[in-house]
Amino acid sequence: MNNRRGFAQAVQNVIHAVPSFDLDTRPQVFETNIRVLGGLLSAHQFASNPDHKFHLRWYRGEVRTRIICLNSSEILINYDTALTTCS
């Protein structure tokens, strides 16, 4: 808690160390939504909000654009839903 340096390092790790979630696996959709995507979306909101104590000045939305958008499309496959492109 209140570990700003640890938060910044975790965001850097996601940006640089996670090339993709393109795995040959069948994810548990509910668990993926609430844990993985929820955590990544929260990290994006904290890092990008200048009023939040975990705001990162160097952050430019990489978590959202590199991971959330790409992987939410993969999760939709499990719902047998028409996919839309991320912008």
C-alpha atoms as a PDB file:
ATOM      1  CA  MET A   1       0.000   0.000   0.000  1.00  0.00           C
ATOM      2  CA  ASN A   2       1.186   3.494  -0.850  1.00  0.00           C
ATOM      3  CA  ASN A   3       4.183   2.038  -2.670  1.00  0.00           C
ATOM      4  CA  ARG A   4       4.517   4.504  -5.540  1.00  0.00           C
ATOM      5  CA  ARG A   5       7.898   3.157  -6.647  1.00  0.00           C
ATOM      6  CA  GLY A   6       6.547  -0.410  -6.706  1.00  0.00           C
ATOM      7  CA  PHE A   7       3.519   0.720  -8.712  1.00  0.00           C
ATOM      8  CA  ALA A   8       5.715   2.483 -11.284  1.00  0.00           C
ATOM      9  CA  GLN A   9       7.908  -0.631 -11.579  1.00  0.00           C
ATOM     10  CA  ALA A  10       4.857  -2.864 -12.041  1.00  0.00           C
ATOM     11  CA  VAL A  11       3.556  -0.631 -14.855  1.00  0.00           C
ATOM     12  CA  GLN A  12       6.997  -0.733 -16.522  1.00  0.00           C
ATOM     13  CA  ASN A  13       7.015  -4.533 -16.197  1.00  0.00           C
ATOM     14  CA  VAL A  14       3.646  -4.832 -17.922  1.00  0.00           C
ATOM     15  CA  ILE A  15       4.702  -2.481 -20.719  1.00  0.00           C
ATOM     16  CA  HIS A  16       8.080  -4.102 -21.378  1.00  0.00           C
ATOM     17  CA  ALA A  17       7.937  -7.689 -20.139  1.00  0.00           C
ATOM     18  CA  VAL A  18       4.525  -8.825 -21.372  1.00  0.00           C
ATOM     19  CA  PRO A  19       4.779  -9.011 -25.161  1.00  0.00           C
ATOM     20  CA  SER A  20       1.258 -10.393 -25.575  1.00  0.00           C
ATOM     21  CA  PHE A  21      -1.346 -12.654 -24.075  1.00  0.00           C
ATOM     22  CA  ASP A  22      -1.570 -14.688 -27.271  1.00  0.00           C
ATOM     23  CA  LEU A  23      -1.525 -18.084 -25.579  1.00  0.00           C
ATOM     24  CA  ASP A  24      -2.925 -21.405 -26.684  1.00  0.00           C
ATOM     25  CA  THR A  25      -5.240 -21.743 -23.715  1.00  0.00           C
ATOM     26  CA  ARG A  26      -8.895 -21.566 -22.806  1.00  0.00           C
ATOM     27  CA  PRO A  27      -9.195 -18.802 -20.215  1.00  0.00           C
ATOM     28  CA  GLN A  28     -11.739 -18.657 -17.459  1.00  0.00           C
ATOM     29  CA  VAL A  29     -13.543 -15.596 -18.793  1.00  0.00           C
ATOM     30  CA  PHE A  30     -14.986 -14.393 -15.481  1.00  0.00           C
ATOM     31  CA  GLU A  31     -11.654 -14.692 -13.661  1.00  0.00           C
ATOM     32  CA  THR A  32      -9.826 -12.986 -16.510  1.00  0.00           C
ATOM     33  CA  ASN A  33     -12.286 -10.103 -16.570  1.00  0.00           C
ATOM     34  CA  ILE A  34     -12.320  -9.308 -12.871  1.00  0.00           C
ATOM     35  CA  ARG A  35      -8.687  -9.996 -12.045  1.00  0.00           C
ATOM     36  CA  VAL A  36      -6.464  -9.395 -15.056  1.00  0.00           C
ATOM     37  CA  LEU A  37      -8.393  -6.798 -17.024  1.00  0.00           C
ATOM     38  CA  GLY A  38      -9.733  -5.143 -13.877  1.00  0.00           C
ATOM     39  CA  GLY A  39      -6.233  -4.794 -12.459  1.00  0.00           C
ATOM     40  CA  LEU A  40      -4.784  -3.484 -15.701  1.00  0.00           C
ATOM     41  CA  LEU A  41      -7.608  -0.982 -16.158  1.00  0.00           C
ATOM     42  CA  SER A  42      -7.117   0.237 -12.586  1.00  0.00           C
ATOM     43  CA  ALA A  43      -3.382   0.627 -13.186  1.00  0.00           C
ATOM     44  CA  HIS A  44      -4.123   2.641 -16.326  1.00  0.00           C
ATOM     45  CA  GLN A  45      -6.560   4.898 -14.475  1.00  0.00           C
ATOM     46  CA  PHE A  46      -4.170   5.495 -11.583  1.00  0.00           C
ATOM     47  CA  ALA A  47      -1.165   6.159 -13.836  1.00  0.00           C
ATOM     48  CA  SER A  48      -2.994   8.482 -16.236  1.00  0.00           C
ATOM     49  CA  ASN A  49      -4.964  10.592 -13.735  1.00  0.00           C
ATOM     50  CA  PRO A  50      -2.942  13.687 -12.718  1.00  0.00           C
ATOM     51  CA  ASP A  51      -5.058  14.061  -9.583  1.00  0.00           C
ATOM     52  CA  HIS A  52      -4.268  10.553  -8.328  1.00  0.00           C
ATOM     53  CA  LYS A  53      -1.324  10.006  -5.970  1.00  0.00           C
ATOM     54  CA  PHE A  54      -0.019   7.210  -8.240  1.00  0.00           C
ATOM     55  CA  HIS A  55      -0.014   9.383 -11.367  1.00  0.00           C
ATOM     56  CA  LEU A  56       3.051   8.703 -13.530  1.00  0.00           C
ATOM     57  CA  ARG A  57       4.144  11.713 -15.604  1.00  0.00           C
ATOM     58  CA  TRP A  58       5.955   9.534 -18.128  1.00  0.00           C
ATOM     59  CA  TYR A  59       2.961   7.223 -18.701  1.00  0.00           C
ATOM     60  CA  ARG A  60       1.247   7.619 -22.096  1.00  0.00           C
ATOM     61  CA  GLY A  61      -1.491   4.969 -21.997  1.00  0.00           C
ATOM     62  CA  GLU A  62       0.659   2.010 -22.988  1.00  0.00           C
ATOM     63  CA  VAL A  63      -1.176  -0.415 -20.698  1.00  0.00           C
ATOM     64  CA  ARG A  64      -4.531   0.463 -22.218  1.00  0.00           C
ATOM     65  CA  THR A  65      -3.424   0.491 -25.823  1.00  0.00           C
ATOM     66  CA  ARG A  66      -1.002  -2.455 -25.786  1.00  0.00           C
ATOM     67  CA  ILE A  67      -2.802  -4.860 -23.529  1.00  0.00           C
ATOM     68  CA  ILE A  68      -6.374  -4.020 -22.621  1.00  0.00           C
ATOM     69  CA  CYS A  69      -7.603  -3.366 -26.148  1.00  0.00           C
ATOM     70  CA  LEU A  70      -5.837  -6.318 -27.741  1.00  0.00           C
ATOM     71  CA  ASN A  71      -6.740  -8.842 -25.095  1.00  0.00           C
ATOM     72  CA  SER A  72     -10.325  -7.795 -24.555  1.00  0.00           C
ATOM     73  CA  SER A  73     -10.863  -8.729 -28.207  1.00  0.00           C
ATOM     74  CA  GLU A  74      -9.453 -12.179 -27.489  1.00  0.00           C
ATOM     75  CA  ILE A  75     -11.769 -12.605 -24.515  1.00  0.00           C
ATOM     76  CA  LEU A  76     -14.815 -11.693 -26.602  1.00  0.00           C
ATOM     77  CA  ILE A  77     -14.134 -14.769 -28.727  1.00  0.00           C
ATOM     78  CA  ASN A  78     -15.193 -16.840 -25.726  1.00  0.00           C
ATOM     79  CA  TYR A  79     -18.566 -15.095 -25.726  1.00  0.00           C
ATOM     80  CA  ASP A  80     -19.152 -15.928 -29.407  1.00  0.00           C
ATOM     81  CA  THR A  81     -19.528 -12.212 -30.071  1.00  0.00           C
ATOM     82  CA  ALA A  82     -18.773 -10.214 -33.179  1.00  0.00           C
ATOM     83  CA  LEU A  83     -15.420  -8.501 -32.670  1.00  0.00           C
ATOM     84  CA  THR A  84     -14.806  -4.838 -33.148  1.00  0.00           C
ATOM     85  CA  THR A  85     -11.438  -3.250 -33.743  1.00  0.00           C
ATOM     86  CA  CYS A  86      -9.783  -1.193 -31.047  1.00  0.00           C
ATOM     87  CA  SER A  87      -8.837   2.366 -31.800  1.00  0.00           C
END
